[in-house]
């Protein structure tokens, strides 16, 4: 293990100093309240669902504006969720203690179960539709759906950590 303070974990998108700063922050911030984190999770679900709904809008201009706004909102919510969870979901194992490591691992386990279920459900729908010669997706619908799936994959671990962590109002 390298003990350098400037080490950057590129695959995780964090640095050693950034994780230490986030974990040792003792300010009374609204970001660390459970109700705020849960509200972020709910708004993230709505924003990601908006990407899915946008795939089925018939007007191309309305669809592109809706996708743009929903995607921008989802990215902002991702950054806020990262901050409110103190980078726990992105941190490598060597920077977390046993309790935080268990929370992170459990969040990833649940997130990937949810993603696997979603993919299985989607494949089942597509397979059933092909059996009955029904075309579910048009070419212009693929981009919003792929963006929703990618953002869901990025958001889910943070969403689960945000929902599981206790409130820090006692600070």
C-alpha atoms as a PDB file:
ATOM      1  CA  UNK A   1       0.000   0.000   0.000  1.00  0.00           C
ATOM      2  CA  UNK A   2       1.338   3.410  -0.966  1.00  0.00           C
ATOM      3  CA  UNK A   3       1.064   5.952   1.826  1.00  0.00           C
ATOM      4  CA  UNK A   4       1.398   9.073  -0.325  1.00  0.00           C
ATOM      5  CA  UNK A   5      -1.123  11.794   0.481  1.00  0.00           C
ATOM      6  CA  UNK A   6      -1.618  12.726  -3.150  1.00  0.00           C
ATOM      7  CA  UNK A   7      -2.569   9.248  -4.337  1.00  0.00           C
ATOM      8  CA  UNK A   8      -5.525   9.302  -6.718  1.00  0.00           C
ATOM      9  CA  UNK A   9      -7.694   6.217  -7.162  1.00  0.00           C
ATOM     10  CA  UNK A  10      -8.626   6.751 -10.804  1.00  0.00           C
ATOM     11  CA  UNK A  11     -11.030   3.821 -11.078  1.00  0.00           C
ATOM     12  CA  UNK A  12     -12.917   5.051  -8.038  1.00  0.00           C
ATOM     13  CA  UNK A  13     -12.899   8.740  -8.962  1.00  0.00           C
ATOM     14  CA  UNK A  14     -11.525   9.839  -5.596  1.00  0.00           C
ATOM     15  CA  UNK A  15      -8.241  10.829  -4.028  1.00  0.00           C
ATOM     16  CA  UNK A  16      -6.866   9.826  -0.640  1.00  0.00           C
ATOM     17  CA  UNK A  17      -7.000  13.412   0.626  1.00  0.00           C
ATOM     18  CA  UNK A  18     -10.537  13.916  -0.713  1.00  0.00           C
ATOM     19  CA  UNK A  19     -11.819  10.828   1.099  1.00  0.00           C
ATOM     20  CA  UNK A  20     -10.074  11.792   4.342  1.00  0.00           C
ATOM     21  CA  UNK A  21     -11.486  15.313   4.062  1.00  0.00           C
ATOM     22  CA  UNK A  22     -15.004  13.983   3.442  1.00  0.00           C
ATOM     23  CA  UNK A  23     -14.873  11.434   6.272  1.00  0.00           C
ATOM     24  CA  UNK A  24     -13.450  13.865   8.825  1.00  0.00           C
ATOM     25  CA  UNK A  25     -15.734  16.813   7.995  1.00  0.00           C
ATOM     26  CA  UNK A  26     -17.377  17.877  11.257  1.00  0.00           C
ATOM     27  CA  UNK A  27     -19.456  20.810   9.982  1.00  0.00           C
ATOM     28  CA  UNK A  28     -23.172  20.821  10.697  1.00  0.00           C
ATOM     29  CA  UNK A  29     -24.271  20.498   7.110  1.00  0.00           C
ATOM     30  CA  UNK A  30     -27.716  19.712   5.786  1.00  0.00           C
ATOM     31  CA  UNK A  31     -26.021  17.229   3.451  1.00  0.00           C
ATOM     32  CA  UNK A  32     -25.450  14.816   6.330  1.00  0.00           C
ATOM     33  CA  UNK A  33     -29.047  14.717   7.537  1.00  0.00           C
ATOM     34  CA  UNK A  34     -30.903  11.530   6.730  1.00  0.00           C
ATOM     35  CA  UNK A  35     -34.065  13.305   5.597  1.00  0.00           C
ATOM     36  CA  UNK A  36     -32.069  15.394   3.097  1.00  0.00           C
ATOM     37  CA  UNK A  37     -30.291  12.301   1.759  1.00  0.00           C
ATOM     38  CA  UNK A  38     -33.574  10.432   1.404  1.00  0.00           C
ATOM     39  CA  UNK A  39     -35.096  13.408  -0.411  1.00  0.00           C
ATOM     40  CA  UNK A  40     -32.114  13.331  -2.794  1.00  0.00           C
ATOM     41  CA  UNK A  41     -32.774   9.631  -3.397  1.00  0.00           C
ATOM     42  CA  UNK A  42     -36.439  10.248  -4.192  1.00  0.00           C
ATOM     43  CA  UNK A  43     -35.641  13.124  -6.561  1.00  0.00           C
ATOM     44  CA  UNK A  44     -32.961  10.939  -8.211  1.00  0.00           C
ATOM     45  CA  UNK A  45     -35.532   8.224  -8.838  1.00  0.00           C
ATOM     46  CA  UNK A  46     -37.884  10.794 -10.355  1.00  0.00           C
ATOM     47  CA  UNK A  47     -35.132  12.262 -12.569  1.00  0.00           C
ATOM     48  CA  UNK A  48     -34.046   8.823 -13.780  1.00  0.00           C
ATOM     49  CA  UNK A  49     -37.674   7.863 -14.402  1.00  0.00           C
ATOM     50  CA  UNK A  50     -38.064  11.052 -16.416  1.00  0.00           C
ATOM     51  CA  UNK A  51     -35.314   9.788 -18.734  1.00  0.00           C
ATOM     52  CA  UNK A  52     -37.324   6.601 -19.270  1.00  0.00           C
ATOM     53  CA  UNK A  53     -40.556   8.507 -19.860  1.00  0.00           C
ATOM     54  CA  UNK A  54     -38.760  10.861 -22.257  1.00  0.00           C
ATOM     55  CA  UNK A  55     -37.937   7.888 -24.473  1.00  0.00           C
ATOM     56  CA  UNK A  56     -41.621   7.554 -25.275  1.00  0.00           C
ATOM     57  CA  UNK A  57     -42.326  11.203 -26.090  1.00  0.00           C
ATOM     58  CA  UNK A  58     -43.395  11.510 -29.692  1.00  0.00           C
ATOM     59  CA  UNK A  59     -42.081  15.003 -30.417  1.00  0.00           C
ATOM     60  CA  UNK A  60     -38.339  14.904 -31.079  1.00  0.00           C
ATOM     61  CA  UNK A  61     -37.699  18.429 -29.812  1.00  0.00           C
ATOM     62  CA  UNK A  62     -39.608  17.876 -26.585  1.00  0.00           C
ATOM     63  CA  UNK A  63     -37.851  14.558 -26.122  1.00  0.00           C
ATOM     64  CA  UNK A  64     -34.380  16.060 -26.550  1.00  0.00           C
ATOM     65  CA  UNK A  65     -35.076  18.947 -24.141  1.00  0.00           C
ATOM     66  CA  UNK A  66     -36.571  16.597 -21.569  1.00  0.00           C
ATOM     67  CA  UNK A  67     -33.614  14.223 -21.848  1.00  0.00           C
ATOM     68  CA  UNK A  68     -31.150  17.122 -21.539  1.00  0.00           C
ATOM     69  CA  UNK A  69     -32.777  18.582 -18.444  1.00  0.00           C
ATOM     70  CA  UNK A  70     -33.293  15.185 -16.799  1.00  0.00           C
ATOM     71  CA  UNK A  71     -29.710  14.133 -17.538  1.00  0.00           C
ATOM     72  CA  UNK A  72     -28.285  17.392 -16.164  1.00  0.00           C
ATOM     73  CA  UNK A  73     -30.432  17.048 -13.042  1.00  0.00           C
ATOM     74  CA  UNK A  74     -29.367  13.431 -12.603  1.00  0.00           C
ATOM     75  CA  UNK A  75     -25.676  14.352 -12.832  1.00  0.00           C
ATOM     76  CA  UNK A  76     -26.117  17.142 -10.263  1.00  0.00           C
ATOM     77  CA  UNK A  77     -27.991  14.750  -7.977  1.00  0.00           C
ATOM     78  CA  UNK A  78     -25.202  12.194  -8.365  1.00  0.00           C
ATOM     79  CA  UNK A  79     -22.649  14.753  -7.205  1.00  0.00           C
ATOM     80  CA  UNK A  80     -24.853  15.802  -4.265  1.00  0.00           C
ATOM     81  CA  UNK A  81     -25.398  12.176  -3.254  1.00  0.00           C
ATOM     82  CA  UNK A  82     -21.640  11.554  -3.336  1.00  0.00           C
ATOM     83  CA  UNK A  83     -21.074  14.519  -1.037  1.00  0.00           C
ATOM     84  CA  UNK A  84     -23.902  13.629   1.329  1.00  0.00           C
ATOM     85  CA  UNK A  85     -22.615  10.046   1.643  1.00  0.00           C
ATOM     86  CA  UNK A  86     -19.061  11.261   2.322  1.00  0.00           C
ATOM     87  CA  UNK A  87     -17.710   9.395  -0.754  1.00  0.00           C
ATOM     88  CA  UNK A  88     -18.281   6.046   0.989  1.00  0.00           C
ATOM     89  CA  UNK A  89     -19.687   4.349  -2.117  1.00  0.00           C
ATOM     90  CA  UNK A  90     -16.703   5.377  -4.272  1.00  0.00           C
ATOM     91  CA  UNK A  91     -13.888   4.898  -1.769  1.00  0.00           C
ATOM     92  CA  UNK A  92     -11.486   1.975  -2.142  1.00  0.00           C
ATOM     93  CA  UNK A  93     -11.351  -0.550   0.690  1.00  0.00           C
ATOM     94  CA  UNK A  94      -8.002   0.654   2.008  1.00  0.00           C
ATOM     95  CA  UNK A  95      -9.443   4.070   2.907  1.00  0.00           C
ATOM     96  CA  UNK A  96     -12.475   2.820   4.871  1.00  0.00           C
ATOM     97  CA  UNK A  97     -12.769   1.282   8.300  1.00  0.00           C
ATOM     98  CA  UNK A  98     -14.591  -2.035   8.816  1.00  0.00           C
ATOM     99  CA  UNK A  99     -17.995  -0.465   9.520  1.00  0.00           C
ATOM    100  CA  UNK A 100     -17.939   1.774   6.445  1.00  0.00           C
ATOM    101  CA  UNK A 101     -16.531  -1.034   4.321  1.00  0.00           C
ATOM    102  CA  UNK A 102     -19.458  -3.255   5.323  1.00  0.00           C
ATOM    103  CA  UNK A 103     -21.947  -0.497   4.460  1.00  0.00           C
ATOM    104  CA  UNK A 104     -20.286   0.070   1.076  1.00  0.00           C
ATOM    105  CA  UNK A 105     -20.146  -3.634   0.240  1.00  0.00           C
ATOM    106  CA  UNK A 106     -23.781  -4.164   1.211  1.00  0.00           C
ATOM    107  CA  UNK A 107     -24.815  -1.177  -0.925  1.00  0.00           C
ATOM    108  CA  UNK A 108     -22.980  -2.563  -3.951  1.00  0.00           C
ATOM    109  CA  UNK A 109     -24.482  -6.007  -3.421  1.00  0.00           C
ATOM    110  CA  UNK A 110     -28.033  -4.632  -3.325  1.00  0.00           C
ATOM    111  CA  UNK A 111     -27.372  -2.228  -6.227  1.00  0.00           C
ATOM    112  CA  UNK A 112     -26.093  -4.953  -8.505  1.00  0.00           C
ATOM    113  CA  UNK A 113     -28.985  -7.219  -7.559  1.00  0.00           C
ATOM    114  CA  UNK A 114     -31.374  -4.437  -8.586  1.00  0.00           C
ATOM    115  CA  UNK A 115     -29.514  -3.840 -11.850  1.00  0.00           C
ATOM    116  CA  UNK A 116     -29.451  -7.569 -12.630  1.00  0.00           C
ATOM    117  CA  UNK A 117     -33.188  -7.778 -11.975  1.00  0.00           C
ATOM    118  CA  UNK A 118     -33.792  -4.753 -14.231  1.00  0.00           C
ATOM    119  CA  UNK A 119     -31.733  -6.232 -17.052  1.00  0.00           C
ATOM    120  CA  UNK A 120     -33.472  -9.602 -16.665  1.00  0.00           C
ATOM    121  CA  UNK A 121     -36.871  -7.929 -16.771  1.00  0.00           C
ATOM    122  CA  UNK A 122     -35.924  -5.890 -19.827  1.00  0.00           C
ATOM    123  CA  UNK A 123     -34.564  -8.926 -21.680  1.00  0.00           C
ATOM    124  CA  UNK A 124     -37.724 -10.861 -20.813  1.00  0.00           C
ATOM    125  CA  UNK A 125     -39.938  -8.086 -22.182  1.00  0.00           C
ATOM    126  CA  UNK A 126     -37.925  -7.842 -25.376  1.00  0.00           C
ATOM    127  CA  UNK A 127     -37.946 -11.612 -25.811  1.00  0.00           C
ATOM    128  CA  UNK A 128     -41.730 -11.811 -25.236  1.00  0.00           C
ATOM    129  CA  UNK A 129     -42.330  -8.942 -27.648  1.00  0.00           C
ATOM    130  CA  UNK A 130     -40.239 -10.620 -30.329  1.00  0.00           C
ATOM    131  CA  UNK A 131     -42.230 -13.831 -29.893  1.00  0.00           C
ATOM    132  CA  UNK A 132     -45.415 -11.922 -30.730  1.00  0.00           C
ATOM    133  CA  UNK A 133     -43.832  -9.717 -33.438  1.00  0.00           C
ATOM    134  CA  UNK A 134     -44.299  -6.531 -31.400  1.00  0.00           C
ATOM    135  CA  UNK A 135     -41.641  -3.873 -31.712  1.00  0.00           C
ATOM    136  CA  UNK A 136     -41.131  -2.251 -28.323  1.00  0.00           C
ATOM    137  CA  UNK A 137     -38.374   0.195 -29.149  1.00  0.00           C
ATOM    138  CA  UNK A 138     -37.863   2.649 -31.957  1.00  0.00           C
ATOM    139  CA  UNK A 139     -34.323   3.837 -32.751  1.00  0.00           C
ATOM    140  CA  UNK A 140     -34.940   7.297 -31.222  1.00  0.00           C
ATOM    141  CA  UNK A 141     -35.948   5.671 -27.924  1.00  0.00           C
ATOM    142  CA  UNK A 142     -32.663   3.903 -27.298  1.00  0.00           C
ATOM    143  CA  UNK A 143     -30.549   6.895 -26.256  1.00  0.00           C
ATOM    144  CA  UNK A 144     -32.724   8.017 -23.301  1.00  0.00           C
ATOM    145  CA  UNK A 145     -33.107   4.423 -22.112  1.00  0.00           C
ATOM    146  CA  UNK A 146     -29.370   3.732 -22.279  1.00  0.00           C
ATOM    147  CA  UNK A 147     -28.653   7.021 -20.472  1.00  0.00           C
ATOM    148  CA  UNK A 148     -31.191   6.098 -17.777  1.00  0.00           C
ATOM    149  CA  UNK A 149     -29.578   2.689 -17.305  1.00  0.00           C
ATOM    150  CA  UNK A 150     -26.052   4.139 -17.098  1.00  0.00           C
ATOM    151  CA  UNK A 151     -27.125   6.818 -14.629  1.00  0.00           C
ATOM    152  CA  UNK A 152     -29.003   4.245 -12.585  1.00  0.00           C
ATOM    153  CA  UNK A 153     -25.856   2.131 -12.428  1.00  0.00           C
ATOM    154  CA  UNK A 154     -23.875   5.121 -11.173  1.00  0.00           C
ATOM    155  CA  UNK A 155     -26.561   6.352  -8.772  1.00  0.00           C
ATOM    156  CA  UNK A 156     -27.708   3.119  -7.144  1.00  0.00           C
ATOM    157  CA  UNK A 157     -24.767   2.497  -4.772  1.00  0.00           C
ATOM    158  CA  UNK A 158     -24.920   6.094  -3.532  1.00  0.00           C
ATOM    159  CA  UNK A 159     -28.696   5.949  -3.268  1.00  0.00           C
ATOM    160  CA  UNK A 160     -28.541   2.831  -1.133  1.00  0.00           C
ATOM    161  CA  UNK A 161     -25.778   4.232   1.093  1.00  0.00           C
ATOM    162  CA  UNK A 162     -27.754   7.471   1.461  1.00  0.00           C
ATOM    163  CA  UNK A 163     -30.833   5.543   2.527  1.00  0.00           C
ATOM    164  CA  UNK A 164     -28.931   3.292   4.959  1.00  0.00           C
ATOM    165  CA  UNK A 165     -26.702   5.802   6.767  1.00  0.00           C
ATOM    166  CA  UNK A 166     -28.010   7.237  10.029  1.00  0.00           C
ATOM    167  CA  UNK A 167     -28.527  10.956  10.411  1.00  0.00           C
ATOM    168  CA  UNK A 168     -25.635  13.083  11.620  1.00  0.00           C
ATOM    169  CA  UNK A 169     -27.758  15.800  13.219  1.00  0.00           C
ATOM    170  CA  UNK A 170     -26.136  15.135  16.591  1.00  0.00           C
ATOM    171  CA  UNK A 171     -22.853  16.733  15.474  1.00  0.00           C
END
